[in-house]
Protein backbone atom coordinates (compact mmCIF):
# COMPACT_ATOMS: atom_id res chain seq x y z
CA MET A 1 -7.65 240.47 1.00
CA LYS A 2 -9.62 242.65 2.75
CA LYS A 3 -12.02 243.77 0.13
CA VAL A 4 -12.77 239.58 -0.40
CA LEU A 5 -13.15 239.39 3.09
CA LEU A 6 -15.74 242.65 3.20
CA PHE A 7 -17.53 240.94 0.08
CA GLY A 8 -17.97 237.76 1.74
CA LEU A 9 -19.31 239.30 5.30
CA VAL A 10 -21.73 241.45 3.20
CA LEU A 11 -23.06 238.54 0.92
CA ALA A 12 -23.16 236.54 4.33
CA LEU A 13 -25.52 238.96 5.70
CA ALA A 14 -27.79 239.14 2.63
CA VAL A 15 -28.19 235.78 2.64
CA ALA A 16 -29.20 235.96 6.57
CA PHE A 17 -31.60 238.50 5.71
CA ALA A 18 -33.10 236.83 2.88
CA ALA A 19 -33.52 233.75 4.42
CA PRO A 20 -37.06 234.26 5.69
CA ALA A 21 -38.01 234.95 2.03
CA PHE A 22 -37.81 231.12 1.01
CA ALA A 23 -37.76 227.87 2.53
CA PHE A 24 -34.53 226.01 3.31
CA LYS A 25 -33.66 222.85 5.19
CA ILE A 26 -30.26 221.75 6.50
CA GLU A 27 -29.12 218.31 7.27
CA GLY A 28 -26.04 217.86 9.78
CA ASP A 29 -24.27 215.03 11.61
CA LYS A 30 -26.05 212.75 13.62
CA ASP A 31 -29.73 212.75 11.68
CA ALA A 32 -29.90 216.40 12.87
CA LYS A 33 -32.09 218.41 10.73
CA PHE A 34 -33.36 222.11 10.43
CA TYR A 35 -36.46 223.44 8.31
CA PHE A 36 -37.41 227.13 8.14
CA GLY A 37 -40.17 228.10 5.97
CA GLY A 38 -43.94 229.59 5.76
CA ILE A 39 -47.30 230.06 4.28
CA ALA A 40 -48.15 233.79 2.86
CA MET A 41 -52.05 234.16 2.02
CA THR A 42 -53.90 236.71 0.86
CA ASP A 43 -57.91 237.11 0.38
CA ILE A 44 -59.64 239.36 -2.41
CA GLY A 45 -63.19 239.55 -2.59
CA TYR A 46 -66.44 240.74 -1.18
CA TRP A 47 -68.11 239.71 2.12
CA ASN A 48 -72.26 239.79 2.32
CA ARG A 49 -74.13 240.16 5.60
CA SER A 50 -78.15 240.23 5.65
CA LYS A 51 -80.12 243.05 6.92
CA GLU A 52 -80.58 241.01 10.54
CA PHE A 53 -76.73 241.79 11.16
CA SER A 54 -76.70 245.46 9.82
CA ALA A 55 -77.60 246.85 13.65
CA ALA A 56 -73.63 245.96 14.41
CA TRP A 57 -72.73 248.77 12.14
CA ARG A 58 -75.80 250.83 10.94
CA THR A 59 -75.83 254.45 12.49
CA PRO A 60 -78.95 254.23 14.73
CA GLY A 61 -82.06 255.46 12.82
CA GLY A 62 -80.65 254.37 9.69
CA ASP A 63 -80.86 252.33 6.75
CA ASN A 64 -81.75 248.60 7.42
CA SER A 65 -80.49 246.63 4.81
CA ASP A 66 -78.02 244.00 3.82
CA ARG A 67 -74.06 245.00 3.29
CA THR A 68 -71.78 243.87 0.76
CA GLN A 69 -68.05 245.06 1.69
CA PHE A 70 -64.99 244.87 -0.52
CA ILE A 71 -62.21 243.00 1.41
CA LEU A 72 -58.58 242.41 0.59
CA SER A 73 -56.56 241.10 3.68
CA VAL A 74 -53.69 238.64 4.95
CA PRO A 75 -55.58 236.18 7.22
CA GLN A 76 -54.50 234.93 10.53
CA HIS A 77 -53.31 231.45 9.41
CA SER A 78 -50.52 232.90 7.03
CA ARG A 79 -47.53 232.09 9.22
CA LEU A 80 -43.66 231.28 9.69
CA ARG A 81 -42.68 227.92 10.62
CA ALA A 82 -39.38 225.58 11.92
CA SER A 83 -38.62 222.90 12.93
CA VAL A 84 -35.20 220.94 14.39
CA GLU A 85 -34.60 217.05 14.79
CA ALA A 86 -31.77 215.31 16.26
CA GLY A 87 -31.89 211.67 16.61
CA ASN A 88 -35.29 210.50 18.34
CA ALA A 89 -36.37 214.03 19.36
CA GLY A 90 -37.32 217.21 17.92
CA ALA A 91 -39.40 220.71 18.07
CA TYR A 92 -41.80 222.76 16.35
CA TRP A 93 -42.34 226.76 16.11
CA GLU A 94 -45.27 228.46 14.40
CA LEU A 95 -45.80 232.53 14.40
CA GLY A 96 -49.05 233.72 13.07
CA MET A 97 -48.41 236.51 10.89
CA GLY A 98 -51.97 237.95 9.88
CA ARG A 99 -54.61 240.43 11.32
CA ASP A 100 -57.15 239.72 13.70
CA ASN A 101 -60.58 240.96 13.64
CA ILE A 102 -61.28 242.95 16.71
CA ALA A 103 -64.93 242.34 16.62
CA THR A 104 -66.77 239.42 17.83
CA HIS A 105 -67.30 236.24 15.70
CA GLU A 106 -70.85 235.23 16.99
CA GLN A 107 -73.47 237.64 15.83
CA GLY A 108 -76.88 237.65 17.90
CA ASP A 109 -75.11 236.32 21.09
CA VAL A 110 -73.02 239.66 22.18
CA SER A 111 -74.09 243.24 20.94
CA ASN A 112 -71.08 244.84 19.21
CA PRO A 113 -70.87 248.37 18.40
CA THR A 114 -67.48 248.12 16.61
CA ASP A 115 -67.02 248.40 13.16
CA LYS A 116 -66.89 245.14 12.07
CA PHE A 117 -64.31 245.62 9.58
CA GLY A 118 -61.53 247.21 12.15
CA ALA A 119 -58.75 245.11 12.37
CA GLN A 120 -55.30 245.10 13.96
CA GLU A 121 -52.03 244.21 13.25
CA TYR A 122 -51.28 240.33 14.69
CA ILE A 123 -48.21 238.06 15.52
CA SER A 124 -48.92 235.54 17.84
CA THR A 125 -47.46 231.87 18.67
CA ARG A 126 -49.58 229.47 17.11
CA LYS A 127 -47.86 226.48 18.00
CA ILE A 128 -44.76 225.23 19.77
CA TYR A 129 -44.05 221.69 21.03
CA GLY A 130 -41.56 218.98 21.10
CA TRP A 131 -41.10 215.27 20.75
CA TYR A 132 -39.63 212.15 21.84
CA LYS A 133 -40.05 208.92 19.49
CA PHE A 134 -39.25 205.44 21.31
CA GLY A 135 -39.72 202.07 19.91
CA ASN A 136 -43.06 202.60 18.28
CA CYS A 137 -44.31 204.97 20.38
CA THR A 138 -44.15 208.98 20.29
CA LEU A 139 -44.61 211.57 23.25
CA MET A 140 -45.37 215.15 22.64
CA ALA A 141 -45.54 217.93 24.87
CA GLY A 142 -46.32 221.87 24.21
CA LYS A 143 -48.86 223.77 22.49
CA ASN A 144 -50.48 222.06 19.44
CA ASP A 145 -54.03 220.74 17.72
CA GLY A 146 -54.78 217.89 16.42
CA SER A 147 -55.31 215.72 19.60
CA PHE A 148 -58.75 214.75 17.69
CA TRP A 149 -59.34 216.98 14.91
CA VAL A 150 -58.03 215.43 12.00
CA LEU A 151 -60.31 216.09 9.13
CA GLN A 152 -61.87 219.61 8.08
CA PRO A 153 -63.74 221.27 5.02
CA THR A 154 -60.98 222.66 2.69
CA GLN A 155 -62.87 226.43 2.62
CA SER A 156 -60.14 228.98 3.73
CA MET A 157 -61.32 232.39 2.82
CA GLY A 158 -62.60 235.05 5.22
CA LEU A 159 -60.73 234.46 8.46
CA GLN A 160 -59.66 237.75 8.85
CA HIS A 161 -63.47 239.44 8.27
CA ASN A 162 -66.07 236.90 9.12
CA GLY A 163 -64.01 234.48 11.58
CA HIS A 164 -65.04 231.47 8.97
CA VAL A 165 -62.32 229.02 8.06
CA VAL A 166 -62.12 224.82 7.39
CA GLY A 167 -65.88 225.01 8.51
CA LEU A 168 -65.13 225.39 12.21
CA GLY A 169 -68.59 225.84 14.16
CA TRP A 170 -70.30 224.91 10.95
CA GLY A 171 -70.16 221.31 11.04
CA SER A 172 -66.70 220.81 12.05
CA LEU A 173 -65.60 220.97 15.66
CA TYR A 174 -62.04 222.14 16.46
CA ASP A 175 -60.24 220.74 19.41
CA THR A 176 -58.40 224.23 20.05
CA ARG A 177 -54.59 224.84 19.80
CA GLU A 178 -54.01 224.34 23.79
CA ASN A 179 -51.34 223.16 25.68
CA GLN A 180 -51.36 219.16 26.22
CA VAL A 181 -49.46 216.11 26.56
CA ARG A 182 -49.77 213.42 24.08
CA PHE A 183 -48.85 209.95 23.98
CA THR A 184 -48.95 208.20 20.36
CA GLN A 185 -48.34 204.56 19.44
CA ASP A 186 -48.27 202.97 16.11
CA ILE A 187 -49.95 199.08 16.95
CA SER A 188 -49.38 198.28 12.94
CA LYS A 189 -48.82 199.82 9.84
CA THR A 190 -52.42 200.47 9.66
CA MET A 191 -53.68 201.15 13.07
CA SER A 192 -52.73 203.55 15.57
CA TYR A 193 -54.05 205.60 18.49
CA GLN A 194 -53.27 208.52 20.86
CA ILE A 195 -54.50 209.83 24.27
CA ALA A 196 -53.86 213.52 25.24
CA LEU A 197 -54.34 215.56 28.68
CA VAL A 198 -55.50 218.94 27.34
CA GLN A 199 -55.55 222.45 29.21
CA PRO A 200 -59.20 222.63 29.10
CA GLY A 201 -61.60 225.49 28.25
CA THR A 202 -63.13 227.35 30.61
CA THR A 203 -65.82 229.60 29.48
CA ASP A 204 -67.73 231.90 32.32
CA VAL A 205 -71.26 232.02 32.52
CA THR A 206 -73.41 234.94 33.63
CA ILE A 207 -76.43 234.49 35.53
CA ALA A 208 -78.87 236.93 36.42
CA GLY A 209 -76.16 239.68 35.47
CA VAL A 210 -73.68 238.19 37.63
CA ASN A 211 -70.60 236.73 36.12
CA TYR A 212 -69.50 233.42 37.74
CA ASP A 213 -65.81 232.40 37.21
CA ALA A 214 -65.11 229.09 35.67
CA TYR A 215 -62.29 226.50 36.17
CA SER A 216 -61.40 222.90 36.13
CA ASP A 217 -59.40 220.73 38.36
CA PHE A 218 -58.91 218.05 35.92
CA PRO A 219 -57.48 218.13 32.49
CA ARG A 220 -59.40 217.96 29.36
CA VAL A 221 -58.94 213.94 28.06
CA ASP A 222 -58.97 213.35 24.14
CA GLY A 223 -58.49 209.99 22.72
CA MET A 224 -58.46 208.94 18.81
CA PHE A 225 -57.85 205.57 17.21
CA LYS A 226 -56.60 205.67 13.54
CA MET A 227 -57.15 203.25 11.18
CA ASP A 228 -55.94 203.75 7.22
CA PHE A 229 -56.88 200.92 4.81
CA GLY A 230 -55.48 202.59 2.10
CA VAL A 231 -58.89 203.72 0.01
CA VAL A 232 -60.64 204.08 3.15
CA SER A 233 -59.65 205.76 6.52
CA LEU A 234 -61.56 205.93 9.45
CA TYR A 235 -60.58 208.15 12.77
CA PRO A 236 -63.28 207.52 15.64
CA ALA A 237 -62.48 210.14 18.71
CA GLY A 238 -63.92 211.59 21.73
CA THR A 239 -63.06 214.07 24.50
CA TRP A 240 -64.37 214.99 28.12
CA GLN A 241 -63.80 217.73 30.41
CA LEU A 242 -65.64 219.06 33.57
CA ARG A 243 -65.89 222.50 34.27
CA LYS A 244 -66.85 224.13 37.98
CA PHE A 245 -67.79 227.53 39.10
CA ASN A 246 -67.13 229.83 41.77
CA GLY A 247 -69.86 231.43 43.99
CA LEU A 248 -72.80 230.01 42.56
CA PRO A 249 -75.72 230.08 44.49
CA SER A 250 -76.13 227.14 46.83
CA SER A 251 -79.06 225.82 44.95
CA PHE A 252 -77.61 225.70 41.52
CA ASP A 253 -75.70 222.59 40.18
CA ALA A 254 -71.93 223.69 40.05
CA GLU A 255 -70.35 221.16 37.35
CA VAL A 256 -70.93 221.44 33.89
CA PRO A 257 -70.00 218.30 31.99
CA THR A 258 -68.73 218.60 28.29
CA TRP A 259 -68.35 215.14 26.33
CA TYR A 260 -68.13 214.55 22.40
CA VAL A 261 -68.06 211.70 20.08
CA GLN A 262 -67.04 211.67 16.46
CA LEU A 263 -66.14 209.59 13.50
CA PRO A 264 -64.39 211.08 10.56
CA LEU A 265 -64.21 209.04 7.72
CA LYS A 266 -62.04 209.57 4.21
CA VAL A 267 -62.22 207.53 0.98
CA LYS A 268 -59.70 208.15 -1.49
CA ALA A 269 -59.99 206.22 -5.06
CA GLY A 270 -57.86 207.53 -7.81
CA ALA A 271 -58.28 210.94 -8.30
CA PHE A 272 -61.69 211.34 -6.33
CA THR A 273 -61.50 212.04 -2.52
CA GLY A 274 -64.01 212.29 -0.24
CA MET A 275 -64.34 213.22 3.53
CA PHE A 276 -67.06 212.76 5.86
CA GLU A 277 -67.82 213.57 9.65
CA LEU A 278 -70.63 213.44 12.41
CA GLY A 279 -70.29 214.29 15.92
CA TYR A 280 -72.48 214.24 18.77
CA GLY A 281 -71.81 215.75 22.19
CA GLN A 282 -73.12 218.22 24.78
CA ASN A 283 -72.19 221.82 25.74
CA LEU A 284 -69.80 222.33 23.20
CA ASN A 285 -69.36 226.09 23.47
CA VAL A 286 -65.95 225.79 25.19
CA PHE A 287 -64.30 224.93 21.63
CA GLN A 288 -63.22 227.65 19.65
CA LEU A 289 -65.30 229.34 17.23
CA GLN A 290 -68.27 226.86 18.19
CA SER A 291 -71.45 228.84 18.72
CA ALA A 292 -72.58 230.29 21.90
CA TYR A 293 -75.66 228.41 21.65
CA HIS A 294 -74.31 225.11 22.82
CA GLN A 295 -73.73 226.53 26.43
CA ALA A 296 -75.38 224.92 29.05
CA MET A 297 -78.12 226.41 31.06
CA TRP A 298 -79.86 226.73 34.25
CA VAL A 299 -83.71 226.47 34.86
CA GLY A 300 -84.84 226.86 38.45
CA GLY A 301 -81.22 225.96 39.59
CA LYS A 302 -80.89 223.11 38.01
CA LEU A 303 -78.45 222.26 35.05
CA LYS A 304 -79.98 221.84 31.71
CA ASN A 305 -77.06 220.45 29.11
CA THR A 306 -77.85 221.52 25.37
CA THR A 307 -76.82 218.76 22.93
CA GLY A 308 -74.95 219.11 19.58
CA LEU A 309 -75.29 217.49 16.52
CA ILE A 310 -72.35 218.32 14.47
CA GLY A 311 -71.33 217.38 10.71
CA PHE A 312 -69.89 217.80 7.06
CA PHE A 313 -68.70 216.27 3.73
CA ASP A 314 -66.29 217.82 1.40
CA LEU A 315 -65.98 216.26 -2.17
CA ALA A 316 -62.62 216.97 -4.20
CA PHE A 317 -61.87 215.57 -7.90
CA THR A 318 -58.32 216.33 -9.21
CA ALA A 319 -57.40 216.98 -12.51
CA GLY A 320 -53.88 217.52 -13.18
CA PRO A 321 -53.15 221.38 -11.34
CA VAL A 322 -56.76 221.55 -10.43
CA THR A 323 -58.68 220.12 -7.96
CA PRO A 324 -62.36 221.58 -7.23
CA HIS A 325 -64.32 220.87 -3.98
CA PHE A 326 -67.75 220.93 -3.00
CA TYR A 327 -68.80 221.01 0.77
CA MET A 328 -71.13 221.47 3.06
CA GLY A 329 -71.61 221.72 6.86
CA TYR A 330 -74.44 221.39 9.43
CA ASP A 331 -74.49 222.24 12.93
CA LYS A 332 -77.27 222.12 15.35
CA ALA A 333 -77.61 222.97 19.20
CA GLU A 334 -80.93 221.81 21.04
CA ASN A 335 -81.97 222.31 24.59
CA THR A 336 -85.78 221.36 25.04
CA ASP A 337 -85.87 222.67 28.60
CA ALA A 338 -84.37 226.14 28.00
CA TYR A 339 -84.99 227.29 24.67
CA VAL A 340 -88.32 228.45 23.24
CA GLY A 341 -90.32 227.82 20.19
CA ASP A 342 -88.11 225.62 18.22
CA LYS A 343 -86.04 224.56 21.24
CA ALA A 344 -82.87 224.29 18.71
CA VAL A 345 -80.96 226.39 16.47
CA THR A 346 -79.58 224.87 12.64
CA ARG A 347 -76.83 226.83 11.01
CA LEU A 348 -75.73 225.59 7.57
CA MET A 349 -72.88 226.21 5.40
CA TYR A 350 -72.40 225.37 1.60
CA GLY A 351 -69.42 226.57 -0.54
CA VAL A 352 -67.18 225.45 -3.58
CA GLY A 353 -63.72 226.06 -3.94
CA VAL A 354 -61.17 225.34 -6.68
CA ASP A 355 -57.31 224.59 -6.01
CA TRP A 356 -55.13 225.78 -8.99
CA MET A 357 -51.56 224.62 -8.08
CA ILE A 358 -49.47 227.14 -10.56
CA SER A 359 -46.45 225.77 -8.96
CA PRO A 360 -45.37 223.72 -5.95
CA ASN A 361 -44.77 226.92 -3.97
CA PHE A 362 -47.80 228.96 -5.42
CA VAL A 363 -51.80 228.17 -5.34
CA VAL A 364 -54.74 229.95 -6.64
CA ARG A 365 -58.09 229.29 -4.88
CA PRO A 366 -61.44 230.89 -6.29
CA GLU A 367 -63.78 230.09 -3.42
CA PHE A 368 -67.51 230.70 -2.60
CA THR A 369 -69.27 230.24 0.81
CA TYR A 370 -72.91 230.81 1.93
CA TYR A 371 -73.70 230.67 5.50
CA ASP A 372 -76.81 230.35 6.81
CA TRP A 373 -77.27 231.19 11.16
CA GLY A 374 -80.62 229.74 11.37
CA LYS A 375 -83.25 230.97 14.08
CA ASN A 376 -82.51 232.52 17.22
CA PRO A 377 -83.67 229.89 20.11
CA ALA A 378 -83.30 232.00 22.88
CA VAL A 379 -86.30 234.60 21.80
CA ALA A 380 -90.01 234.00 21.44
CA GLY A 381 -90.91 233.39 18.06
CA ASN A 382 -87.52 232.42 16.92
CA PRO A 383 -86.39 235.60 14.82
CA ASP A 384 -83.78 235.30 12.01
CA LEU A 385 -80.30 235.65 13.01
CA GLY A 386 -79.08 236.49 9.25
CA LYS A 387 -76.98 234.92 6.38
CA GLU A 388 -73.89 235.79 4.74
CA TRP A 389 -71.55 234.96 1.66
CA ILE A 390 -68.14 235.59 1.12
CA GLY A 391 -66.26 235.11 -2.08
CA GLY A 392 -63.21 235.81 -4.35
CA VAL A 393 -60.04 234.45 -4.79
CA GLN A 394 -57.45 233.41 -2.15
CA PHE A 395 -53.33 233.71 -3.13
CA ALA A 396 -51.45 231.07 -1.14
CA PHE A 397 -47.38 230.90 -1.34
CA VAL A 398 -46.15 227.72 0.66
CA PHE A 399 -42.21 227.23 1.47
C-alpha cells in the first residue's frame, strides 16, 4: 500500500513539474475555468546594418563599413500565459520570457557605445488584468494593451536584436502596455465601442543641456469604435494626453499635447486577407518604439508641435497550411518650424513572411524585412540615418 501511495505521489509531482511544458484547461463548477499555456519563439538568421550605423560598434578610427551579424535568439515576446474565469469575472496574467536588448533602439538619437549585440536574460510581467461582464458591457482594469491598437503588420523577427516587431514605429503606432481602466459596450452583433483611461507616457525633455521632468495630472484618454460587417471591418480610434514640465523657464510654454486619430481597415474575402491603416497626430514620441523625431520642440520658448503621418498595409493569402504575407510601413515626422532642410524624416519598411503551420502548435516562419531610416532632419544637409535588414526563420511553439 505504501508503495502504491509513494508511486502516486511521485506521479503527481511529475505531472505538476511537467505542466508548464504544455497547455491545459480545467473547467469546474459554476462556469469556473482555468487555462495555462505559452508561446516559445526562436529566431535564427542574419542582421545587417549599413555603415551609417557603424560608429556605434566600431573601434575609433577603424573600418567604417556595413556589418552583417549572425543571430540566434529567443525574442522578448516569447511568453507564459494563464487565465481564470468564474461566472462573470475573470483575470489574465502574462510573463515575458525572452531576452532584452540593452542597447538603444533609436540609432542617431542617442549615441550608444555599448555593443549593439549585448543582451541579458529577461523576465517581466507583460500583462495582468481582470474583467467583469454585466449585460452587454465589460469593465476591465489592470495592465493591458489594445485600447486602440487592433491591427498590425505580421512582421515578427528581430525584437531581441534590432527592436523591430509588428511594424511598431514603422507604420504601426502601439498604444503601449499600460495600467488602465476600460469600459466596453456591445451595441449589436456588428458594432461596439470602448473607452479607456490610461496611465500616460511622460517623456522628459532636455533643453540647452538641462533635463526637465515630465508629468501628467490627467489620464490619457483612448477611444475606439468597432464595426464588423463580415467581409469588411473598421476600427476608427483616437487618443489624447497632456504632458507638463517642472522648472521650465517662465518664458517657455510648459504644456505639450499629444493626440492621434487612425482608421484601421480589414478586408477578408475567402483565402485573401488585407489589413490597411492610416493615422495622423502630433508629438507621438511618448508611445513605445515610436521615433524620437516625433518629439515636440521649442523655438524661442514657444512650443512647436511635430506632426506625424503613419500607415501600413499587409496583404496575405492562405493556401492550406501556408500563408504568405507582404507588408509595407510608412512613418513621417515633420516640424516646419524646428527641423532644417527637408523639415521631416520619413522611415520606410518593406517585408515578406510566410506562416507555415506544421501543426496547430508549431509554426515555421521564413521572413525578410528591409528598413530605411531616412535622413536626419535635425542636422544641416540631412545626412543619411542608415538602412538595415533582418532575415531568417522564426520557430514558434504555441500552446
